[in-house]
Amino acid sequence: MAKVNVYISNEVHGKISAIVEKRRQEGARDKDISFSGTASMLLELGLRVYEAQMERKESAFNQTEFNKV
């Protein structure tokens, strides 16, 4: 697994910390939930959303091309 240093705003830091704290209050153990793991999960989720948007943009319906057929 690659190690990456990322700078985030205080607002984002607070939101990630709140997610971690909420999960701990719901019963997650310290070894099951961490700031790093949560940030990584959110980054992966954001990447999937980005890729899906780019795929949709590339394969969008083109009325002009359809009319040529």
PDB file of N, CA and C in Angstrom:
ATOM      1  N   MET A   1       0.845  -1.167   0.000  1.00  0.00           N
ATOM      2  CA  MET A   1       0.000   0.000   0.000  1.00  0.00           C
ATOM      3  C   MET A   1       0.895   1.237   0.000  1.00  0.00           C
ATOM      4  N   ALA A   2       0.607   2.167  -0.866  1.00  0.00           N
ATOM      5  CA  ALA A   2       1.409   3.384  -0.972  1.00  0.00           C
ATOM      6  C   ALA A   2       1.095   4.343   0.168  1.00  0.00           C
ATOM      7  N   LYS A   3       2.102   5.065   0.598  1.00  0.00           N
ATOM      8  CA  LYS A   3       1.917   6.091   1.617  1.00  0.00           C
ATOM      9  C   LYS A   3       1.940   7.438   0.920  1.00  0.00           C
ATOM     10  N   VAL A   4       0.925   8.265   1.207  1.00  0.00           N
ATOM     11  CA  VAL A   4       0.798   9.567   0.564  1.00  0.00           C
ATOM     12  C   VAL A   4       0.510  10.608   1.633  1.00  0.00           C
ATOM     13  N   ASN A   5       1.167  11.739   1.549  1.00  0.00           N
ATOM     14  CA  ASN A   5       0.859  12.868   2.425  1.00  0.00           C
ATOM     15  C   ASN A   5      -0.037  13.823   1.669  1.00  0.00           C
ATOM     16  N   VAL A   6      -1.150  14.189   2.279  1.00  0.00           N
ATOM     17  CA  VAL A   6      -2.124  15.058   1.635  1.00  0.00           C
ATOM     18  C   VAL A   6      -2.484  16.181   2.595  1.00  0.00           C
ATOM     19  N   TYR A   7      -2.552  17.395   2.086  1.00  0.00           N
ATOM     20  CA  TYR A   7      -3.004  18.522   2.884  1.00  0.00           C
ATOM     21  C   TYR A   7      -4.494  18.702   2.665  1.00  0.00           C
ATOM     22  N   ILE A   8      -5.240  18.799   3.763  1.00  0.00           N
ATOM     23  CA  ILE A   8      -6.681  19.008   3.679  1.00  0.00           C
ATOM     24  C   ILE A   8      -7.053  20.216   4.534  1.00  0.00           C
ATOM     25  N   SER A   9      -8.205  20.784   4.238  1.00  0.00           N
ATOM     26  CA  SER A   9      -8.654  21.942   5.008  1.00  0.00           C
ATOM     27  C   SER A   9      -9.071  21.497   6.413  1.00  0.00           C
ATOM     28  N   ASN A  10      -9.122  22.459   7.310  1.00  0.00           N
ATOM     29  CA  ASN A  10      -9.571  22.159   8.670  1.00  0.00           C
ATOM     30  C   ASN A  10     -11.009  21.644   8.665  1.00  0.00           C
ATOM     31  N   GLU A  11     -11.813  22.157   7.747  1.00  0.00           N
ATOM     32  CA  GLU A  11     -13.208  21.728   7.644  1.00  0.00           C
ATOM     33  C   GLU A  11     -13.292  20.244   7.277  1.00  0.00           C
ATOM     34  N   VAL A  12     -12.515  19.831   6.287  1.00  0.00           N
ATOM     35  CA  VAL A  12     -12.508  18.424   5.875  1.00  0.00           C
ATOM     36  C   VAL A  12     -11.981  17.551   7.011  1.00  0.00           C
ATOM     37  N   HIS A  13     -10.943  18.004   7.678  1.00  0.00           N
ATOM     38  CA  HIS A  13     -10.391  17.265   8.814  1.00  0.00           C
ATOM     39  C   HIS A  13     -11.458  17.059   9.876  1.00  0.00           C
ATOM     40  N   GLY A  14     -12.202  18.108  10.168  1.00  0.00           N
ATOM     41  CA  GLY A  14     -13.263  18.008  11.167  1.00  0.00           C
ATOM     42  C   GLY A  14     -14.352  17.026  10.767  1.00  0.00           C
ATOM     43  N   LYS A  15     -14.709  17.031   9.484  1.00  0.00           N
ATOM     44  CA  LYS A  15     -15.759  16.128   9.010  1.00  0.00           C
ATOM     45  C   LYS A  15     -15.315  14.669   9.071  1.00  0.00           C
ATOM     46  N   ILE A  16     -14.073  14.410   8.699  1.00  0.00           N
ATOM     47  CA  ILE A  16     -13.560  13.036   8.772  1.00  0.00           C
ATOM     48  C   ILE A  16     -13.471  12.591  10.228  1.00  0.00           C
ATOM     49  N   SER A  17     -13.004  13.477  11.088  1.00  0.00           N
ATOM     50  CA  SER A  17     -12.931  13.151  12.516  1.00  0.00           C
ATOM     51  C   SER A  17     -14.312  12.849  13.083  1.00  0.00           C
ATOM     52  N   ALA A  18     -15.322  13.592  12.634  1.00  0.00           N
ATOM     53  CA  ALA A  18     -16.692  13.360  13.099  1.00  0.00           C
ATOM     54  C   ALA A  18     -17.193  11.985  12.655  1.00  0.00           C
ATOM     55  N   ILE A  19     -16.851  11.579  11.436  1.00  0.00           N
ATOM     56  CA  ILE A  19     -17.238  10.250  10.948  1.00  0.00           C
ATOM     57  C   ILE A  19     -16.592   9.172  11.813  1.00  0.00           C
ATOM     58  N   VAL A  20     -15.302   9.336  12.086  1.00  0.00           N
ATOM     59  CA  VAL A  20     -14.576   8.360  12.906  1.00  0.00           C
ATOM     60  C   VAL A  20     -15.197   8.293  14.299  1.00  0.00           C
ATOM     61  N   GLU A  21     -15.456   9.445  14.892  1.00  0.00           N
ATOM     62  CA  GLU A  21     -16.032   9.486  16.238  1.00  0.00           C
ATOM     63  C   GLU A  21     -17.419   8.843  16.268  1.00  0.00           C
ATOM     64  N   LYS A  22     -18.222   9.112  15.262  1.00  0.00           N
ATOM     65  CA  LYS A  22     -19.564   8.518  15.198  1.00  0.00           C
ATOM     66  C   LYS A  22     -19.479   6.999  15.115  1.00  0.00           C
ATOM     67  N   ARG A  23     -18.568   6.505  14.282  1.00  0.00           N
ATOM     68  CA  ARG A  23     -18.396   5.044  14.146  1.00  0.00           C
ATOM     69  C   ARG A  23     -17.951   4.430  15.474  1.00  0.00           C
ATOM     70  N   ARG A  24     -17.081   5.134  16.203  1.00  0.00           N
ATOM     71  CA  ARG A  24     -16.626   4.622  17.505  1.00  0.00           C
ATOM     72  C   ARG A  24     -17.783   4.597  18.501  1.00  0.00           C
ATOM     73  N   GLN A  25     -18.630   5.618  18.456  1.00  0.00           N
ATOM     74  CA  GLN A  25     -19.794   5.653  19.348  1.00  0.00           C
ATOM     75  C   GLN A  25     -20.780   4.539  19.006  1.00  0.00           C
ATOM     76  N   GLU A  26     -20.783   4.128  17.743  1.00  0.00           N
ATOM     77  CA  GLU A  26     -21.659   3.038  17.311  1.00  0.00           C
ATOM     78  C   GLU A  26     -21.085   1.672  17.662  1.00  0.00           C
ATOM     79  N   GLY A  27     -19.886   1.664  18.249  1.00  0.00           N
ATOM     80  CA  GLY A  27     -19.323   0.406  18.710  1.00  0.00           C
ATOM     81  C   GLY A  27     -18.097  -0.089  17.973  1.00  0.00           C
ATOM     82  N   ALA A  28     -17.620   0.648  16.987  1.00  0.00           N
ATOM     83  CA  ALA A  28     -16.415   0.215  16.267  1.00  0.00           C
ATOM     84  C   ALA A  28     -15.210   0.309  17.202  1.00  0.00           C
ATOM     85  N   ARG A  29     -14.356  -0.690  17.129  1.00  0.00           N
ATOM     86  CA  ARG A  29     -13.150  -0.678  17.953  1.00  0.00           C
ATOM     87  C   ARG A  29     -12.080   0.181  17.285  1.00  0.00           C
ATOM     88  N   ASP A  30     -11.115   0.640  18.082  1.00  0.00           N
ATOM     89  CA  ASP A  30     -10.043   1.492  17.561  1.00  0.00           C
ATOM     90  C   ASP A  30      -9.295   0.830  16.416  1.00  0.00           C
ATOM     91  N   LYS A  31      -9.109  -0.496  16.492  1.00  0.00           N
ATOM     92  CA  LYS A  31      -8.380  -1.171  15.418  1.00  0.00           C
ATOM     93  C   LYS A  31      -9.227  -1.325  14.158  1.00  0.00           C
ATOM     94  N   ASP A  32     -10.555  -1.155  14.283  1.00  0.00           N
ATOM     95  CA  ASP A  32     -11.452  -1.290  13.136  1.00  0.00           C
ATOM     96  C   ASP A  32     -11.682   0.026  12.398  1.00  0.00           C
ATOM     97  N   ILE A  33     -11.487   1.133  13.081  1.00  0.00           N
ATOM     98  CA  ILE A  33     -11.761   2.439  12.473  1.00  0.00           C
ATOM     99  C   ILE A  33     -10.618   3.391  12.819  1.00  0.00           C
ATOM    100  N   SER A  34     -10.142   4.109  11.813  1.00  0.00           N
ATOM    101  CA  SER A  34      -9.083   5.088  12.038  1.00  0.00           C
ATOM    102  C   SER A  34      -9.279   6.262  11.091  1.00  0.00           C
ATOM    103  N   PHE A  35      -8.632   7.361  11.406  1.00  0.00           N
ATOM    104  CA  PHE A  35      -8.705   8.534  10.542  1.00  0.00           C
ATOM    105  C   PHE A  35      -8.153   8.195   9.165  1.00  0.00           C
ATOM    106  N   SER A  36      -7.009   7.532   9.136  1.00  0.00           N
ATOM    107  CA  SER A  36      -6.364   7.184   7.871  1.00  0.00           C
ATOM    108  C   SER A  36      -7.238   6.262   7.030  1.00  0.00           C
ATOM    109  N   GLY A  37      -7.794   5.242   7.655  1.00  0.00           N
ATOM    110  CA  GLY A  37      -8.641   4.305   6.929  1.00  0.00           C
ATOM    111  C   GLY A  37      -9.897   4.965   6.384  1.00  0.00           C
ATOM    112  N   THR A  38     -10.485   5.854   7.187  1.00  0.00           N
ATOM    113  CA  THR A  38     -11.691   6.561   6.756  1.00  0.00           C
ATOM    114  C   THR A  38     -11.371   7.518   5.617  1.00  0.00           C
ATOM    115  N   ALA A  39     -10.260   8.244   5.729  1.00  0.00           N
ATOM    116  CA  ALA A  39      -9.859   9.162   4.659  1.00  0.00           C
ATOM    117  C   ALA A  39      -9.583   8.395   3.372  1.00  0.00           C
ATOM    118  N   SER A  40      -8.946   7.250   3.476  1.00  0.00           N
ATOM    119  CA  SER A  40      -8.665   6.421   2.305  1.00  0.00           C
ATOM    120  C   SER A  40      -9.958   5.936   1.657  1.00  0.00           C
ATOM    121  N   MET A  41     -10.915   5.505   2.473  1.00  0.00           N
ATOM    122  CA  MET A  41     -12.202   5.041   1.962  1.00  0.00           C
ATOM    123  C   MET A  41     -12.923   6.169   1.222  1.00  0.00           C
ATOM    124  N   LEU A  42     -12.902   7.374   1.788  1.00  0.00           N
ATOM    125  CA  LEU A  42     -13.559   8.512   1.146  1.00  0.00           C
ATOM    126  C   LEU A  42     -12.860   8.900  -0.154  1.00  0.00           C
ATOM    127  N   LEU A  43     -11.547   8.811  -0.188  1.00  0.00           N
ATOM    128  CA  LEU A  43     -10.796   9.103  -1.404  1.00  0.00           C
ATOM    129  C   LEU A  43     -11.134   8.095  -2.498  1.00  0.00           C
ATOM    130  N   GLU A  44     -11.190   6.820  -2.146  1.00  0.00           N
ATOM    131  CA  GLU A  44     -11.558   5.785  -3.120  1.00  0.00           C
ATOM    132  C   GLU A  44     -12.977   5.997  -3.641  1.00  0.00           C
ATOM    133  N   LEU A  45     -13.890   6.348  -2.747  1.00  0.00           N
ATOM    134  CA  LEU A  45     -15.272   6.604  -3.146  1.00  0.00           C
ATOM    135  C   LEU A  45     -15.341   7.789  -4.104  1.00  0.00           C
ATOM    136  N   GLY A  46     -14.625   8.854  -3.779  1.00  0.00           N
ATOM    137  CA  GLY A  46     -14.589  10.023  -4.657  1.00  0.00           C
ATOM    138  C   GLY A  46     -13.991   9.700  -6.016  1.00  0.00           C
ATOM    139  N   LEU A  47     -12.983   8.857  -6.044  1.00  0.00           N
ATOM    140  CA  LEU A  47     -12.368   8.449  -7.307  1.00  0.00           C
ATOM    141  C   LEU A  47     -13.346   7.657  -8.163  1.00  0.00           C
ATOM    142  N   ARG A  48     -14.116   6.771  -7.523  1.00  0.00           N
ATOM    143  CA  ARG A  48     -15.128   6.012  -8.274  1.00  0.00           C
ATOM    144  C   ARG A  48     -16.190   6.930  -8.864  1.00  0.00           C
ATOM    145  N   VAL A  49     -16.616   7.921  -8.091  1.00  0.00           N
ATOM    146  CA  VAL A  49     -17.607   8.883  -8.586  1.00  0.00           C
ATOM    147  C   VAL A  49     -17.032   9.652  -9.768  1.00  0.00           C
ATOM    148  N   TYR A  50     -15.792  10.105  -9.648  1.00  0.00           N
ATOM    149  CA  TYR A  50     -15.135  10.847 -10.723  1.00  0.00           C
ATOM    150  C   TYR A  50     -15.042  10.002 -11.990  1.00  0.00           C
ATOM    151  N   GLU A  51     -14.600   8.751 -11.841  1.00  0.00           N
ATOM    152  CA  GLU A  51     -14.476   7.870 -13.007  1.00  0.00           C
ATOM    153  C   GLU A  51     -15.831   7.618 -13.660  1.00  0.00           C
ATOM    154  N   ALA A  52     -16.864   7.445 -12.859  1.00  0.00           N
ATOM    155  CA  ALA A  52     -18.206   7.225 -13.410  1.00  0.00           C
ATOM    156  C   ALA A  52     -18.680   8.450 -14.179  1.00  0.00           C
ATOM    157  N   GLN A  53     -18.393   9.635 -13.671  1.00  0.00           N
ATOM    158  CA  GLN A  53     -18.772  10.861 -14.372  1.00  0.00           C
ATOM    159  C   GLN A  53     -18.027  10.989 -15.689  1.00  0.00           C
ATOM    160  N   MET A  54     -16.744  10.667 -15.699  1.00  0.00           N
ATOM    161  CA  MET A  54     -15.958  10.761 -16.924  1.00  0.00           C
ATOM    162  C   MET A  54     -16.441   9.734 -17.943  1.00  0.00           C
ATOM    163  N   GLU A  55     -16.790   8.549 -17.489  1.00  0.00           N
ATOM    164  CA  GLU A  55     -17.290   7.513 -18.392  1.00  0.00           C
ATOM    165  C   GLU A  55     -18.624   7.945 -18.997  1.00  0.00           C
ATOM    166  N   ARG A  56     -19.472   8.528 -18.189  1.00  0.00           N
ATOM    167  CA  ARG A  56     -20.772   8.993 -18.662  1.00  0.00           C
ATOM    168  C   ARG A  56     -20.596  10.122 -19.675  1.00  0.00           C
ATOM    169  N   LYS A  57     -19.615  10.987 -19.421  1.00  0.00           N
ATOM    170  CA  LYS A  57     -19.361  12.111 -20.323  1.00  0.00           C
ATOM    171  C   LYS A  57     -18.881  11.607 -21.682  1.00  0.00           C
ATOM    172  N   GLU A  58     -18.023  10.582 -21.683  1.00  0.00           N
ATOM    173  CA  GLU A  58     -17.473  10.043 -22.926  1.00  0.00           C
ATOM    174  C   GLU A  58     -18.507   9.269 -23.729  1.00  0.00           C
ATOM    175  N   SER A  59     -19.427   8.619 -23.043  1.00  0.00           N
ATOM    176  CA  SER A  59     -20.390   7.787 -23.750  1.00  0.00           C
ATOM    177  C   SER A  59     -21.783   8.416 -23.765  1.00  0.00           C
ATOM    178  N   ALA A  60     -21.830   9.719 -23.612  1.00  0.00           N
ATOM    179  CA  ALA A  60     -23.120  10.406 -23.598  1.00  0.00           C
ATOM    180  C   ALA A  60     -23.808  10.278 -24.957  1.00  0.00           C
ATOM    181  N   PHE A  61     -25.110  10.261 -24.928  1.00  0.00           N
ATOM    182  CA  PHE A  61     -25.896  10.165 -26.153  1.00  0.00           C
ATOM    183  C   PHE A  61     -25.661  11.415 -26.992  1.00  0.00           C
ATOM    184  N   ASN A  62     -25.381  11.224 -28.269  1.00  0.00           N
ATOM    185  CA  ASN A  62     -25.120  12.337 -29.179  1.00  0.00           C
ATOM    186  C   ASN A  62     -26.224  12.355 -30.232  1.00  0.00           C
ATOM    187  N   GLN A  63     -27.141  13.304 -30.121  1.00  0.00           N
ATOM    188  CA  GLN A  63     -28.290  13.385 -31.018  1.00  0.00           C
ATOM    189  C   GLN A  63     -27.850  13.619 -32.461  1.00  0.00           C
ATOM    190  N   THR A  64     -26.827  14.428 -32.682  1.00  0.00           N
ATOM    191  CA  THR A  64     -26.354  14.715 -34.036  1.00  0.00           C
ATOM    192  C   THR A  64     -25.858  13.451 -34.714  1.00  0.00           C
ATOM    193  N   GLU A  65     -25.050  12.660 -34.017  1.00  0.00           N
ATOM    194  CA  GLU A  65     -24.550  11.405 -34.572  1.00  0.00           C
ATOM    195  C   GLU A  65     -25.698  10.429 -34.817  1.00  0.00           C
ATOM    196  N   PHE A  66     -26.661  10.393 -33.934  1.00  0.00           N
ATOM    197  CA  PHE A  66     -27.815   9.511 -34.094  1.00  0.00           C
ATOM    198  C   PHE A  66     -28.613   9.885 -35.342  1.00  0.00           C
ATOM    199  N   ASN A  67     -28.763  11.173 -35.585  1.00  0.00           N
ATOM    200  CA  ASN A  67     -29.542  11.641 -36.737  1.00  0.00           C
ATOM    201  C   ASN A  67     -28.867  11.298 -38.062  1.00  0.00           C
ATOM    202  N   LYS A  68     -27.549  11.132 -38.078  1.00  0.00           N
ATOM    203  CA  LYS A  68     -26.826  10.800 -39.304  1.00  0.00           C
ATOM    204  C   LYS A  68     -27.145   9.387 -39.773  1.00  0.00           C
ATOM    205  N   VAL A  69     -27.535   8.527 -38.868  1.00  0.00           N
ATOM    206  CA  VAL A  69     -27.781   7.113 -39.196  1.00  0.00           C
ATOM    207  C   VAL A  69     -29.090   6.918 -39.840  1.00  0.00           C
TER     208      VAL A  69
END
